[in-house]
Amino acid sequence: MAVAEDDGGELIVGDVTRTGGRALAVGLSPSPDDQGRPTISVGWMEQGDRLQLTVDEAVALRDELTRIIRDAGGTGA
């Protein structure tokens, strides 16, 4: 597994060494939410499926991932 950044500023996590490798992309979406606020896009590379999160939802996801990492013995920030 590797972590990289693409030309568009997305964070890519997964098999980035070959075309067709399974990798997750996370970055700012070009589409704002209903109130014009930025959204965060999370999805599998080369598959077109994307999850659009509001900033508040992304913060909640970050907090939950941090808790899971700490519970698993990782350092977490």
Foldseek 3Di string as FASTA:
>chain_A
DDWDADPVGWIWDFPPPDPPTWIKTKDWDPDPPPVRAIWIWIDTPPPPDIDTHGPVRVVVVLVVVQVVCVVVVHDRD
